[in-house]
Every structure is written in C-alpha cells, then in structure tokens.
Amino acid sequence: MSFLATNVSAEASATTSSGFVVTATASASATSEISQQDAFNKATTLAQSIAQSIAQNNANIEEQTIEINNKPAVTPETITLYYKLATTGTNTTSVEFLNNQNTYTEINNRYMTNADGTYNKDLITYFGYRTTGSVPYGKDHGVLTIATNNIPSLYCETLIIKTPQGDLISGLANYVDQGSGEGTTTPFENFAVTCASGKFAGYKNIKVTYNADKTRVVTITN
C-alpha cells in the first residue's frame, strides 16, 4: 500500500468587533491512499483551519488591547486628613525666627488627628517664610534689603505630610496674606504637590481649609 503526501500553505482572516481585519498564514501536510489530489485537499483544509485559528486568536488579542487602551484613566479617590492647632501639650513643636520687623520664618511639626479630633501618628510639617511689602533700604542684620511698596505681603509655605508607613507628600504655596507670625488669615489655600510617594503617589493638589475653631481640613486630590 502506498501513501501519497503533499504540503500546502493557506491564508485566513478574522475581523474584530471594531472592524479590524487580522490575517494569518499556516502550512500543513497530509497523506492519502487515494490520490495526490485527495492529499492536497486534506492538507488545504488543515492549513486553512490552523490559519483561521491563529487569525481569530490574534484578533481576540487585538480586541483586548484596544479595550484596555480605551479604558478611562482611574482617578485616585480624594484623601481627607485633619489636624488642629494646639498651644500646649506634646503633639506639636515649633521654632520661630523673627529676622526683623518685616520678615518671619517658622518650622512647625505636629501630629495630625482623626475626623473626631483624636490624635494619630501622621506628621505634618510646615516651613513658612513671611515678608511684608515695604522694607527699608539698607542692611539689616547683614542682609541687603531694598525698599518697595508695590509687592504685597506674602506668605511662602512648604507643607510635608508623612505617615508611619512611610507614605509622603509635600506641596508649595505662595500667597498674599496680611497676617503676622504663623497664623494664616485666608480661609483656605492650595498647595501644588512637589513630591508624592506611597498612597499619595499620583496626587497633584493639597487644599488646606482653616476653620475658625482652629481645626484644619487637608483635602488631597488629583
């Protein structure tokens, strides 16, 4: 008994739901006891089946890729934190530098609180630099200052929040404020995020709301 063998290549295509056509080519061999044509037909059918399977698989992959790329970006949920001002106790430290009658610098650290006002172990740090608009010309404590009445009183602050788990976020704000010392006279300020890691990664803005009862609400958003 003799067997007739042949090898055939075939091409097939598949279409994704979005109309994208994917093609594939495959080859197959077949034998027949009947005729060379029978072997050819068997090989053709097998090659077309393989090519069709490959094309459909590639179409599925392409469709999944398109679906992933079209998914909207996930917006991080808003993070809300709290702290309060305290003049006594062990939950805050403050170092103030009164450079002259026109400038003020402070470093302030304090534990943050939960929504109910109880303290937790998150730390918030402020670096504050306050200047007034009118500064006498000359040298004051070795620093050259220039008189101007056109620049408003500004408060430049850096804010840093760090959790016990190592999550960290920092922000910077420079705003007009007519106060003196550490107290801010505006109802709220926005700090542009300069660094963020851990659970804060991806966030871009820190809004601090200053309430009259000396509680503070920190809203971190994207």
N, C-alpha and C. Protein backbone atom coordinates (compact mmCIF):
# COMPACT_ATOMS: atom_id res chain seq x y z
N MET A 1 0.87 -1.19 0.00
CA MET A 1 0.00 0.00 0.00
C MET A 1 0.90 1.23 0.00
N SER A 2 0.61 2.16 -0.90
CA SER A 2 1.43 3.37 -0.98
C SER A 2 0.63 4.58 -0.50
N PHE A 3 1.35 5.54 0.08
CA PHE A 3 0.72 6.76 0.58
C PHE A 3 1.24 7.95 -0.22
N LEU A 4 0.34 8.79 -0.65
CA LEU A 4 0.70 10.00 -1.37
C LEU A 4 0.68 11.17 -0.39
N ALA A 5 1.74 11.98 -0.36
CA ALA A 5 1.85 13.09 0.60
C ALA A 5 1.99 14.42 -0.12
N THR A 6 1.53 15.47 0.55
CA THR A 6 1.69 16.83 0.00
C THR A 6 1.69 17.84 1.13
N ASN A 7 2.25 19.00 0.88
CA ASN A 7 2.30 20.10 1.86
C ASN A 7 1.67 21.32 1.24
N VAL A 8 0.77 21.99 1.99
CA VAL A 8 0.02 23.13 1.45
C VAL A 8 0.06 24.28 2.44
N SER A 9 0.18 25.50 1.93
CA SER A 9 0.06 26.72 2.74
C SER A 9 -1.28 27.37 2.46
N ALA A 10 -1.87 27.97 3.49
CA ALA A 10 -3.17 28.62 3.32
C ALA A 10 -3.21 29.88 4.17
N GLU A 11 -4.04 30.84 3.77
CA GLU A 11 -4.20 32.11 4.50
C GLU A 11 -5.66 32.25 4.92
N ALA A 12 -5.86 32.80 6.12
CA ALA A 12 -7.22 33.04 6.62
C ALA A 12 -7.24 34.38 7.35
N SER A 13 -8.43 34.90 7.54
CA SER A 13 -8.56 36.19 8.22
C SER A 13 -9.71 36.16 9.21
N ALA A 14 -9.63 37.06 10.20
CA ALA A 14 -10.70 37.22 11.18
C ALA A 14 -10.87 38.71 11.44
N THR A 15 -12.08 39.11 11.79
CA THR A 15 -12.40 40.53 11.98
C THR A 15 -12.82 40.78 13.42
N THR A 16 -12.25 41.82 14.05
CA THR A 16 -12.63 42.19 15.40
C THR A 16 -13.97 42.91 15.38
N SER A 17 -14.59 43.09 16.55
CA SER A 17 -15.89 43.77 16.61
C SER A 17 -15.80 45.22 16.16
N SER A 18 -14.58 45.78 16.21
CA SER A 18 -14.40 47.16 15.77
C SER A 18 -14.08 47.26 14.28
N GLY A 19 -14.06 46.09 13.57
CA GLY A 19 -13.85 46.11 12.13
C GLY A 19 -12.40 45.96 11.71
N PHE A 20 -11.51 45.67 12.63
CA PHE A 20 -10.10 45.50 12.32
C PHE A 20 -9.88 44.08 11.80
N VAL A 21 -9.28 43.93 10.60
CA VAL A 21 -9.08 42.62 9.98
C VAL A 21 -7.68 42.11 10.32
N VAL A 22 -7.63 40.88 10.81
CA VAL A 22 -6.37 40.23 11.15
C VAL A 22 -6.20 39.02 10.27
N THR A 23 -5.05 38.87 9.59
CA THR A 23 -4.79 37.73 8.72
C THR A 23 -3.67 36.87 9.30
N ALA A 24 -3.67 35.60 8.91
CA ALA A 24 -2.63 34.67 9.35
C ALA A 24 -2.40 33.62 8.25
N THR A 25 -1.20 33.10 8.17
CA THR A 25 -0.84 32.07 7.20
C THR A 25 -0.33 30.84 7.93
N ALA A 26 -0.71 29.66 7.46
CA ALA A 26 -0.25 28.41 8.07
C ALA A 26 -0.04 27.37 6.98
N SER A 27 0.78 26.39 7.26
CA SER A 27 1.02 25.30 6.31
C SER A 27 0.72 23.97 6.99
N ALA A 28 0.37 22.97 6.21
CA ALA A 28 0.06 21.65 6.76
C ALA A 28 0.41 20.58 5.73
N SER A 29 0.70 19.38 6.23
CA SER A 29 0.99 18.24 5.36
C SER A 29 -0.09 17.17 5.57
N ALA A 30 -0.36 16.43 4.51
CA ALA A 30 -1.34 15.34 4.61
C ALA A 30 -0.95 14.21 3.67
N THR A 31 -1.39 13.03 3.97
CA THR A 31 -1.15 11.86 3.11
C THR A 31 -2.48 11.25 2.72
N SER A 32 -2.47 10.49 1.63
CA SER A 32 -3.69 9.84 1.15
C SER A 32 -3.34 8.54 0.45
N GLU A 33 -4.20 7.60 0.61
CA GLU A 33 -4.06 6.33 -0.11
C GLU A 33 -4.78 6.39 -1.45
N ILE A 34 -5.53 7.48 -1.65
CA ILE A 34 -6.40 7.55 -2.83
C ILE A 34 -5.68 8.22 -3.99
N SER A 35 -5.30 9.52 -3.77
CA SER A 35 -4.69 10.27 -4.86
C SER A 35 -3.93 11.46 -4.32
N GLN A 36 -3.13 12.03 -5.16
CA GLN A 36 -2.40 13.25 -4.80
C GLN A 36 -3.39 14.38 -4.53
N GLN A 37 -4.47 14.44 -5.26
CA GLN A 37 -5.47 15.49 -5.09
C GLN A 37 -6.16 15.36 -3.73
N ASP A 38 -6.41 14.13 -3.32
CA ASP A 38 -7.03 13.91 -2.02
C ASP A 38 -6.10 14.38 -0.90
N ALA A 39 -4.83 14.10 -1.03
CA ALA A 39 -3.85 14.58 -0.04
C ALA A 39 -3.80 16.10 -0.03
N PHE A 40 -3.86 16.67 -1.23
CA PHE A 40 -3.85 18.13 -1.34
C PHE A 40 -5.07 18.74 -0.65
N ASN A 41 -6.23 18.14 -0.88
CA ASN A 41 -7.47 18.67 -0.27
C ASN A 41 -7.40 18.59 1.25
N LYS A 42 -6.90 17.46 1.77
CA LYS A 42 -6.78 17.30 3.21
C LYS A 42 -5.82 18.34 3.79
N ALA A 43 -4.68 18.53 3.13
CA ALA A 43 -3.68 19.49 3.61
C ALA A 43 -4.23 20.92 3.57
N THR A 44 -4.99 21.22 2.50
CA THR A 44 -5.57 22.56 2.37
C THR A 44 -6.56 22.83 3.49
N THR A 45 -7.43 21.85 3.76
CA THR A 45 -8.42 22.01 4.83
C THR A 45 -7.75 22.21 6.17
N LEU A 46 -6.70 21.42 6.45
CA LEU A 46 -5.99 21.53 7.71
C LEU A 46 -5.26 22.86 7.83
N ALA A 47 -4.60 23.29 6.75
CA ALA A 47 -3.88 24.56 6.77
C ALA A 47 -4.84 25.73 6.98
N GLN A 48 -6.00 25.69 6.32
CA GLN A 48 -6.99 26.76 6.48
C GLN A 48 -7.52 26.79 7.91
N SER A 49 -7.73 25.62 8.49
CA SER A 49 -8.23 25.55 9.87
C SER A 49 -7.21 26.14 10.84
N ILE A 50 -5.94 25.80 10.65
CA ILE A 50 -4.89 26.34 11.52
C ILE A 50 -4.77 27.85 11.36
N ALA A 51 -4.78 28.30 10.10
CA ALA A 51 -4.66 29.74 9.83
C ALA A 51 -5.84 30.50 10.43
N GLN A 52 -7.05 29.92 10.32
CA GLN A 52 -8.23 30.56 10.86
C GLN A 52 -8.14 30.67 12.38
N SER A 53 -7.64 29.62 13.02
CA SER A 53 -7.50 29.62 14.47
C SER A 53 -6.49 30.68 14.92
N ILE A 54 -5.37 30.77 14.21
CA ILE A 54 -4.35 31.77 14.54
C ILE A 54 -4.90 33.18 14.34
N ALA A 55 -5.60 33.41 13.23
CA ALA A 55 -6.15 34.73 12.93
C ALA A 55 -7.17 35.13 13.99
N GLN A 56 -8.03 34.18 14.40
CA GLN A 56 -9.04 34.50 15.40
C GLN A 56 -8.40 34.81 16.75
N ASN A 57 -7.36 34.04 17.10
CA ASN A 57 -6.65 34.30 18.37
C ASN A 57 -6.00 35.67 18.35
N ASN A 58 -5.36 36.02 17.23
CA ASN A 58 -4.73 37.34 17.12
C ASN A 58 -5.76 38.46 17.15
N ALA A 59 -6.93 38.21 16.56
CA ALA A 59 -8.00 39.21 16.58
C ALA A 59 -8.48 39.43 18.01
N ASN A 60 -8.59 38.34 18.77
CA ASN A 60 -9.01 38.47 20.17
C ASN A 60 -8.01 39.28 20.98
N ILE A 61 -6.72 39.03 20.74
CA ILE A 61 -5.67 39.78 21.43
C ILE A 61 -5.74 41.26 21.05
N GLU A 62 -5.93 41.53 19.76
CA GLU A 62 -6.02 42.92 19.30
C GLU A 62 -7.22 43.62 19.93
N GLU A 63 -8.34 42.90 20.04
CA GLU A 63 -9.55 43.48 20.61
C GLU A 63 -9.35 43.79 22.10
N GLN A 64 -8.69 42.89 22.82
CA GLN A 64 -8.41 43.12 24.23
C GLN A 64 -7.49 44.32 24.42
N THR A 65 -6.51 44.46 23.53
CA THR A 65 -5.58 45.60 23.60
C THR A 65 -6.32 46.91 23.38
N ILE A 66 -7.21 46.93 22.38
CA ILE A 66 -8.00 48.13 22.10
C ILE A 66 -8.88 48.48 23.29
N GLU A 67 -9.48 47.45 23.91
CA GLU A 67 -10.36 47.68 25.05
C GLU A 67 -9.59 48.26 26.23
N ILE A 68 -8.38 47.73 26.47
CA ILE A 68 -7.55 48.24 27.57
C ILE A 68 -7.15 49.68 27.32
N ASN A 69 -6.75 49.98 26.08
CA ASN A 69 -6.30 51.34 25.75
C ASN A 69 -7.43 52.36 25.81
N ASN A 70 -8.67 51.89 25.60
CA ASN A 70 -9.81 52.81 25.60
C ASN A 70 -10.42 53.01 26.98
N LYS A 71 -9.95 52.26 27.97
CA LYS A 71 -10.49 52.42 29.31
C LYS A 71 -10.09 53.77 29.87
N PRO A 72 -11.02 54.49 30.50
CA PRO A 72 -10.67 55.79 31.08
C PRO A 72 -9.66 55.63 32.21
N ALA A 73 -8.81 56.62 32.36
CA ALA A 73 -7.82 56.59 33.42
C ALA A 73 -8.51 56.61 34.79
N VAL A 74 -7.98 55.83 35.69
CA VAL A 74 -8.56 55.76 37.03
C VAL A 74 -8.13 56.98 37.83
N THR A 75 -9.09 57.73 38.31
CA THR A 75 -8.81 58.91 39.12
C THR A 75 -8.72 58.50 40.59
N PRO A 76 -7.59 58.79 41.24
CA PRO A 76 -7.47 58.41 42.65
C PRO A 76 -8.57 59.07 43.48
N GLU A 77 -9.02 58.35 44.50
CA GLU A 77 -10.03 58.89 45.38
C GLU A 77 -9.45 60.03 46.22
N THR A 78 -10.30 60.97 46.58
CA THR A 78 -9.88 62.08 47.41
C THR A 78 -9.47 61.57 48.79
N ILE A 79 -8.34 62.07 49.29
CA ILE A 79 -7.88 61.74 50.63
C ILE A 79 -8.13 62.96 51.52
N THR A 80 -8.81 62.74 52.64
CA THR A 80 -9.09 63.84 53.58
C THR A 80 -8.40 63.55 54.90
N LEU A 81 -7.59 64.51 55.34
CA LEU A 81 -6.87 64.40 56.61
C LEU A 81 -7.22 65.61 57.48
N TYR A 82 -6.83 65.54 58.75
CA TYR A 82 -7.19 66.59 59.70
C TYR A 82 -6.03 66.88 60.65
N TYR A 83 -5.98 68.12 61.13
CA TYR A 83 -5.12 68.46 62.25
C TYR A 83 -5.71 69.68 62.95
N LYS A 84 -5.16 70.02 64.10
CA LYS A 84 -5.67 71.18 64.83
C LYS A 84 -4.50 71.90 65.49
N LEU A 85 -4.70 73.19 65.73
CA LEU A 85 -3.68 73.99 66.39
C LEU A 85 -3.75 73.74 67.89
N ALA A 86 -2.60 73.63 68.52
CA ALA A 86 -2.54 73.43 69.96
C ALA A 86 -1.36 74.22 70.51
N THR A 87 -1.61 75.00 71.51
CA THR A 87 -0.55 75.83 72.09
C THR A 87 0.17 75.12 73.23
N THR A 88 -0.44 74.05 73.76
CA THR A 88 0.18 73.28 74.84
C THR A 88 0.08 71.80 74.52
N GLY A 89 0.80 70.98 75.28
CA GLY A 89 0.75 69.55 75.07
C GLY A 89 1.98 69.03 74.37
N THR A 90 1.97 67.74 74.06
CA THR A 90 3.14 67.08 73.49
C THR A 90 2.96 66.71 72.02
N ASN A 91 1.97 67.28 71.36
CA ASN A 91 1.67 66.89 69.99
C ASN A 91 2.12 67.91 68.94
N THR A 92 2.86 68.93 69.38
CA THR A 92 3.34 69.92 68.42
C THR A 92 4.65 70.52 68.89
N THR A 93 5.51 70.87 67.94
CA THR A 93 6.74 71.61 68.22
C THR A 93 6.85 72.72 67.20
N SER A 94 7.44 73.83 67.62
CA SER A 94 7.53 74.99 66.73
C SER A 94 8.80 75.77 67.02
N VAL A 95 9.48 76.17 65.95
CA VAL A 95 10.66 77.02 66.07
C VAL A 95 10.42 78.25 65.21
N GLU A 96 10.51 79.43 65.80
CA GLU A 96 10.25 80.67 65.08
C GLU A 96 11.52 81.51 65.00
N PHE A 97 11.68 82.19 63.86
CA PHE A 97 12.81 83.09 63.66
C PHE A 97 12.25 84.46 63.26
N LEU A 98 12.43 85.44 64.11
CA LEU A 98 12.00 86.80 63.79
C LEU A 98 13.21 87.55 63.27
N ASN A 99 13.35 87.58 61.95
CA ASN A 99 14.56 88.16 61.35
C ASN A 99 14.62 89.67 61.54
N ASN A 100 13.53 90.34 61.34
CA ASN A 100 13.42 91.78 61.61
C ASN A 100 11.92 92.11 61.61
N GLN A 101 11.62 93.37 61.63
CA GLN A 101 10.20 93.74 61.72
C GLN A 101 9.43 93.43 60.45
N ASN A 102 10.12 93.05 59.39
CA ASN A 102 9.43 92.85 58.12
C ASN A 102 9.41 91.39 57.65
N THR A 103 10.12 90.51 58.30
CA THR A 103 10.15 89.12 57.86
C THR A 103 9.94 88.18 59.04
N TYR A 104 9.47 86.96 58.71
CA TYR A 104 9.17 85.97 59.74
C TYR A 104 9.39 84.59 59.13
N THR A 105 10.07 83.72 59.87
CA THR A 105 10.32 82.36 59.41
C THR A 105 9.96 81.39 60.52
N GLU A 106 9.35 80.24 60.15
CA GLU A 106 8.95 79.27 61.16
C GLU A 106 9.06 77.86 60.61
N ILE A 107 9.44 76.92 61.49
CA ILE A 107 9.35 75.49 61.22
C ILE A 107 8.41 74.92 62.27
N ASN A 108 7.38 74.21 61.80
CA ASN A 108 6.36 73.73 62.72
C ASN A 108 6.06 72.26 62.43
N ASN A 109 6.09 71.41 63.46
CA ASN A 109 5.74 69.99 63.34
C ASN A 109 4.60 69.68 64.29
N ARG A 110 3.66 68.87 63.83
CA ARG A 110 2.59 68.45 64.74
C ARG A 110 1.99 67.12 64.26
N TYR A 111 1.46 66.38 65.24
CA TYR A 111 0.72 65.18 64.89
C TYR A 111 -0.64 65.59 64.32
N MET A 112 -1.11 64.81 63.35
CA MET A 112 -2.41 65.07 62.77
C MET A 112 -3.49 64.36 63.61
N THR A 113 -4.75 64.56 63.24
CA THR A 113 -5.85 63.98 64.01
C THR A 113 -6.76 63.18 63.10
N ASN A 114 -7.63 62.42 63.73
CA ASN A 114 -8.73 61.78 63.01
C ASN A 114 -9.86 62.79 62.88
N ALA A 115 -10.93 62.41 62.19
CA ALA A 115 -12.06 63.33 61.99
C ALA A 115 -12.69 63.75 63.31
N ASP A 116 -12.59 62.89 64.34
CA ASP A 116 -13.20 63.21 65.63
C ASP A 116 -12.29 64.03 66.54
N GLY A 117 -11.10 64.41 66.03
CA GLY A 117 -10.20 65.25 66.81
C GLY A 117 -9.16 64.50 67.61
N THR A 118 -9.26 63.17 67.70
CA THR A 118 -8.24 62.40 68.42
C THR A 118 -6.97 62.33 67.59
N TYR A 119 -5.84 62.34 68.27
CA TYR A 119 -4.57 62.36 67.57
C TYR A 119 -4.22 60.99 66.99
N ASN A 120 -3.53 61.03 65.83
CA ASN A 120 -2.93 59.81 65.28
C ASN A 120 -1.44 60.06 65.08
N LYS A 121 -0.76 59.19 64.37
CA LYS A 121 0.70 59.30 64.25
C LYS A 121 1.16 59.86 62.90
N ASP A 122 0.23 60.37 62.09
CA ASP A 122 0.64 61.08 60.88
C ASP A 122 1.26 62.42 61.29
N LEU A 123 2.34 62.80 60.63
CA LEU A 123 3.03 64.05 60.95
C LEU A 123 2.85 65.06 59.83
N ILE A 124 2.58 66.31 60.20
CA ILE A 124 2.53 67.40 59.23
C ILE A 124 3.55 68.45 59.63
N THR A 125 4.33 68.89 58.66
CA THR A 125 5.39 69.88 58.89
C THR A 125 5.18 71.06 57.97
N TYR A 126 5.34 72.27 58.51
CA TYR A 126 5.30 73.50 57.72
C TYR A 126 6.63 74.22 57.83
N PHE A 127 7.10 74.72 56.69
CA PHE A 127 8.18 75.70 56.65
C PHE A 127 7.55 76.98 56.12
N GLY A 128 7.55 78.05 56.91
CA GLY A 128 6.89 79.28 56.49
C GLY A 128 7.84 80.46 56.43
N TYR A 129 7.70 81.26 55.39
CA TYR A 129 8.50 82.47 55.20
C TYR A 129 7.55 83.62 54.90
N ARG A 130 7.51 84.58 55.79
CA ARG A 130 6.59 85.70 55.62
C ARG A 130 7.37 86.99 55.41
N THR A 131 6.95 87.79 54.42
CA THR A 131 7.57 89.10 54.17
C THR A 131 6.48 90.13 53.98
N THR A 132 6.78 91.36 54.35
CA THR A 132 5.86 92.47 54.10
C THR A 132 6.30 93.20 52.86
N GLY A 133 5.42 94.05 52.34
CA GLY A 133 5.69 94.72 51.07
C GLY A 133 6.68 95.86 51.17
N SER A 134 6.76 96.53 52.30
CA SER A 134 7.62 97.71 52.42
C SER A 134 8.79 97.39 53.34
N VAL A 135 9.99 97.42 52.78
CA VAL A 135 11.20 97.09 53.53
C VAL A 135 12.18 98.26 53.40
N PRO A 136 12.71 98.78 54.49
CA PRO A 136 13.64 99.91 54.40
C PRO A 136 14.89 99.54 53.61
N TYR A 137 15.40 100.52 52.89
CA TYR A 137 16.63 100.30 52.14
C TYR A 137 17.81 100.29 53.10
N GLY A 138 18.73 99.38 52.87
CA GLY A 138 19.94 99.33 53.69
C GLY A 138 20.21 97.92 54.14
N LYS A 139 21.12 97.79 55.09
CA LYS A 139 21.46 96.47 55.60
C LYS A 139 20.85 96.27 56.98
N ASP A 140 20.12 95.18 57.12
CA ASP A 140 19.50 94.86 58.39
C ASP A 140 20.00 93.49 58.81
N HIS A 141 20.77 93.41 59.87
CA HIS A 141 21.39 92.16 60.31
C HIS A 141 22.24 91.54 59.20
N GLY A 142 22.92 92.39 58.45
CA GLY A 142 23.82 91.91 57.41
C GLY A 142 23.14 91.53 56.12
N VAL A 143 21.83 91.70 56.01
CA VAL A 143 21.11 91.35 54.79
C VAL A 143 20.69 92.61 54.06
N LEU A 144 21.05 92.71 52.79
CA LEU A 144 20.70 93.88 52.00
C LEU A 144 19.23 93.82 51.61
N THR A 145 18.48 94.84 51.94
CA THR A 145 17.06 94.92 51.58
C THR A 145 16.80 96.16 50.75
N ILE A 146 15.81 96.09 49.90
CA ILE A 146 15.50 97.19 49.00
C ILE A 146 14.06 97.63 49.22
N ALA A 147 13.85 98.92 49.33
CA ALA A 147 12.52 99.45 49.60
C ALA A 147 11.60 99.28 48.39
N THR A 148 10.40 98.87 48.64
CA THR A 148 9.37 98.81 47.61
C THR A 148 8.01 98.83 48.26
N ASN A 149 7.05 99.46 47.62
CA ASN A 149 5.68 99.48 48.11
C ASN A 149 4.74 98.77 47.14
N ASN A 150 5.31 98.13 46.11
CA ASN A 150 4.50 97.50 45.08
C ASN A 150 4.28 96.01 45.31
N ILE A 151 5.11 95.37 46.09
CA ILE A 151 4.97 93.94 46.34
C ILE A 151 4.11 93.73 47.58
N PRO A 152 3.06 92.93 47.50
CA PRO A 152 2.18 92.72 48.66
C PRO A 152 2.86 91.86 49.72
N SER A 153 2.27 91.80 50.87
CA SER A 153 2.75 90.92 51.92
C SER A 153 2.48 89.48 51.51
N LEU A 154 3.53 88.68 51.53
CA LEU A 154 3.43 87.31 51.04
C LEU A 154 3.78 86.31 52.12
N TYR A 155 3.15 85.15 52.03
CA TYR A 155 3.47 84.03 52.91
C TYR A 155 3.81 82.84 52.02
N CYS A 156 5.05 82.41 52.04
CA CYS A 156 5.51 81.27 51.25
C CYS A 156 5.64 80.08 52.19
N GLU A 157 4.90 79.00 51.91
CA GLU A 157 4.90 77.85 52.81
C GLU A 157 5.16 76.55 52.06
N THR A 158 5.93 75.69 52.68
CA THR A 158 6.11 74.32 52.23
C THR A 158 5.43 73.41 53.25
N LEU A 159 4.65 72.47 52.77
CA LEU A 159 3.91 71.55 53.62
C LEU A 159 4.39 70.13 53.34
N ILE A 160 4.63 69.35 54.38
CA ILE A 160 5.04 67.95 54.24
C ILE A 160 4.19 67.08 55.17
N ILE A 161 3.63 66.02 54.63
CA ILE A 161 2.87 65.05 55.43
C ILE A 161 3.54 63.69 55.29
N LYS A 162 3.78 63.04 56.42
CA LYS A 162 4.41 61.72 56.42
C LYS A 162 3.66 60.79 57.36
N THR A 163 3.38 59.57 56.89
CA THR A 163 2.69 58.59 57.72
C THR A 163 3.71 57.63 58.34
N PRO A 164 3.33 56.92 59.38
CA PRO A 164 4.23 55.93 59.98
C PRO A 164 4.63 54.83 59.00
N GLN A 165 3.81 54.60 57.97
CA GLN A 165 4.10 53.58 56.98
C GLN A 165 5.10 54.06 55.91
N GLY A 166 5.47 55.35 55.97
CA GLY A 166 6.45 55.88 55.02
C GLY A 166 5.84 56.61 53.84
N ASP A 167 4.50 56.70 53.74
CA ASP A 167 3.87 57.49 52.68
C ASP A 167 4.22 58.96 52.90
N LEU A 168 4.50 59.67 51.82
CA LEU A 168 4.93 61.07 51.96
C LEU A 168 4.36 61.92 50.83
N ILE A 169 3.96 63.14 51.17
CA ILE A 169 3.53 64.11 50.17
C ILE A 169 3.96 65.49 50.63
N SER A 170 4.41 66.30 49.68
CA SER A 170 4.80 67.68 50.01
C SER A 170 4.20 68.62 48.98
N GLY A 171 3.99 69.86 49.39
CA GLY A 171 3.42 70.86 48.50
C GLY A 171 3.94 72.25 48.81
N LEU A 172 3.78 73.14 47.85
CA LEU A 172 4.28 74.51 47.99
C LEU A 172 3.19 75.51 47.65
N ALA A 173 3.09 76.56 48.47
CA ALA A 173 2.14 77.65 48.21
C ALA A 173 2.82 78.98 48.50
N ASN A 174 2.48 79.98 47.70
CA ASN A 174 2.99 81.34 47.92
C ASN A 174 1.81 82.27 47.68
N TYR A 175 1.32 82.90 48.73
CA TYR A 175 0.06 83.64 48.61
C TYR A 175 0.10 84.94 49.40
N VAL A 176 -0.80 85.85 49.00
CA VAL A 176 -0.92 87.14 49.68
C VAL A 176 -1.60 86.92 51.02
N ASP A 177 -0.99 87.41 52.09
CA ASP A 177 -1.54 87.23 53.43
C ASP A 177 -1.08 88.39 54.30
N GLN A 178 -2.01 89.05 54.95
CA GLN A 178 -1.70 90.25 55.73
C GLN A 178 -1.45 89.94 57.21
N GLY A 179 -1.37 88.67 57.56
CA GLY A 179 -1.18 88.30 58.96
C GLY A 179 0.25 88.48 59.42
N SER A 180 0.49 88.04 60.63
CA SER A 180 1.84 88.07 61.20
C SER A 180 2.04 86.77 61.97
N GLY A 181 3.26 86.31 62.04
CA GLY A 181 3.51 85.06 62.73
C GLY A 181 3.00 83.88 61.92
N GLU A 182 2.70 82.78 62.64
CA GLU A 182 2.33 81.54 61.96
C GLU A 182 0.91 81.56 61.41
N GLY A 183 0.02 82.33 61.98
CA GLY A 183 -1.39 82.29 61.62
C GLY A 183 -1.67 82.78 60.22
N THR A 184 -2.45 82.01 59.47
CA THR A 184 -2.88 82.39 58.13
C THR A 184 -4.23 83.09 58.22
N THR A 185 -4.39 84.17 57.47
CA THR A 185 -5.64 84.93 57.54
C THR A 185 -6.61 84.57 56.42
N THR A 186 -6.22 83.73 55.47
CA THR A 186 -7.11 83.33 54.38
C THR A 186 -7.93 82.11 54.81
N PRO A 187 -9.12 81.90 54.22
CA PRO A 187 -9.96 80.76 54.62
C PRO A 187 -9.41 79.40 54.17
N PHE A 188 -8.66 79.41 53.08
CA PHE A 188 -8.06 78.16 52.59
C PHE A 188 -6.93 78.51 51.64
N GLU A 189 -6.05 77.56 51.40
CA GLU A 189 -5.00 77.71 50.40
C GLU A 189 -4.76 76.39 49.70
N ASN A 190 -4.34 76.47 48.44
CA ASN A 190 -3.99 75.30 47.65
C ASN A 190 -2.47 75.18 47.52
N PHE A 191 -1.97 74.02 47.80
CA PHE A 191 -0.54 73.74 47.69
C PHE A 191 -0.32 72.81 46.49
N ALA A 192 0.55 73.24 45.57
CA ALA A 192 0.90 72.38 44.43
C ALA A 192 1.83 71.28 44.91
N VAL A 193 1.48 70.04 44.59
CA VAL A 193 2.29 68.91 45.05
C VAL A 193 3.65 68.92 44.36
N THR A 194 4.70 68.81 45.14
CA THR A 194 6.07 68.78 44.61
C THR A 194 6.69 67.39 44.71
N CYS A 195 6.15 66.55 45.60
CA CYS A 195 6.68 65.20 45.76
C CYS A 195 5.58 64.35 46.38
N ALA A 196 5.43 63.09 45.91
CA ALA A 196 4.41 62.21 46.47
C ALA A 196 4.84 60.76 46.28
N SER A 197 4.66 59.96 47.33
CA SER A 197 5.02 58.55 47.26
C SER A 197 4.04 57.74 48.09
N GLY A 198 4.10 56.40 47.91
CA GLY A 198 3.19 55.53 48.65
C GLY A 198 1.75 55.79 48.26
N LYS A 199 0.86 55.87 49.23
CA LYS A 199 -0.56 56.06 48.94
C LYS A 199 -0.86 57.43 48.36
N PHE A 200 0.09 58.36 48.45
CA PHE A 200 -0.11 59.71 47.89
C PHE A 200 0.35 59.82 46.44
N ALA A 201 0.98 58.79 45.89
CA ALA A 201 1.51 58.86 44.53
C ALA A 201 0.40 59.18 43.53
N GLY A 202 0.67 60.10 42.62
CA GLY A 202 -0.29 60.48 41.59
C GLY A 202 -1.15 61.67 41.92
N TYR A 203 -1.15 62.11 43.17
CA TYR A 203 -1.95 63.26 43.55
C TYR A 203 -1.21 64.57 43.21
N LYS A 204 -1.99 65.62 42.91
CA LYS A 204 -1.38 66.85 42.40
C LYS A 204 -1.70 68.11 43.21
N ASN A 205 -2.69 68.05 44.08
CA ASN A 205 -3.08 69.26 44.80
C ASN A 205 -3.44 68.95 46.25
N ILE A 206 -3.02 69.86 47.14
CA ILE A 206 -3.37 69.77 48.55
C ILE A 206 -4.10 71.06 48.92
N LYS A 207 -5.33 70.93 49.36
CA LYS A 207 -6.10 72.10 49.80
C LYS A 207 -6.22 72.05 51.33
N VAL A 208 -5.79 73.12 51.97
CA VAL A 208 -5.89 73.22 53.42
C VAL A 208 -6.95 74.26 53.76
N THR A 209 -7.98 73.83 54.48
CA THR A 209 -9.05 74.73 54.90
C THR A 209 -8.83 75.08 56.37
N TYR A 210 -8.79 76.40 56.66
CA TYR A 210 -8.51 76.88 58.02
C TYR A 210 -9.83 77.28 58.69
N ASN A 211 -10.30 76.48 59.62
CA ASN A 211 -11.56 76.76 60.29
C ASN A 211 -11.36 77.68 61.50
N ALA A 212 -12.41 78.42 61.85
CA ALA A 212 -12.33 79.39 62.95
C ALA A 212 -12.06 78.73 64.29
N ASP A 213 -12.45 77.44 64.44
CA ASP A 213 -12.25 76.75 65.72
C ASP A 213 -10.84 76.15 65.84
N LYS A 214 -9.94 76.55 64.94
CA LYS A 214 -8.54 76.10 64.90
C LYS A 214 -8.37 74.66 64.44
N THR A 215 -9.40 74.07 63.88
CA THR A 215 -9.24 72.79 63.24
C THR A 215 -8.89 73.02 61.76
N ARG A 216 -8.21 72.07 61.18
CA ARG A 216 -7.78 72.19 59.79
C ARG A 216 -8.16 70.93 59.03
N VAL A 217 -8.66 71.14 57.80
CA VAL A 217 -9.02 70.03 56.94
C VAL A 217 -8.08 70.03 55.73
N VAL A 218 -7.41 68.90 55.50
CA VAL A 218 -6.47 68.76 54.38
C VAL A 218 -7.10 67.85 53.35
N THR A 219 -7.38 68.39 52.17
CA THR A 219 -8.03 67.62 51.11
C THR A 219 -7.03 67.42 49.98
N ILE A 220 -6.70 66.16 49.70
CA ILE A 220 -5.68 65.83 48.69
C ILE A 220 -6.39 65.25 47.47
N THR A 221 -6.22 65.89 46.33
CA THR A 221 -6.94 65.49 45.12
C THR A 221 -5.99 65.40 43.94
N ASN A 222 -6.52 64.81 42.87
CA ASN A 222 -5.75 64.70 41.63
C ASN A 222 -6.02 65.89 40.73
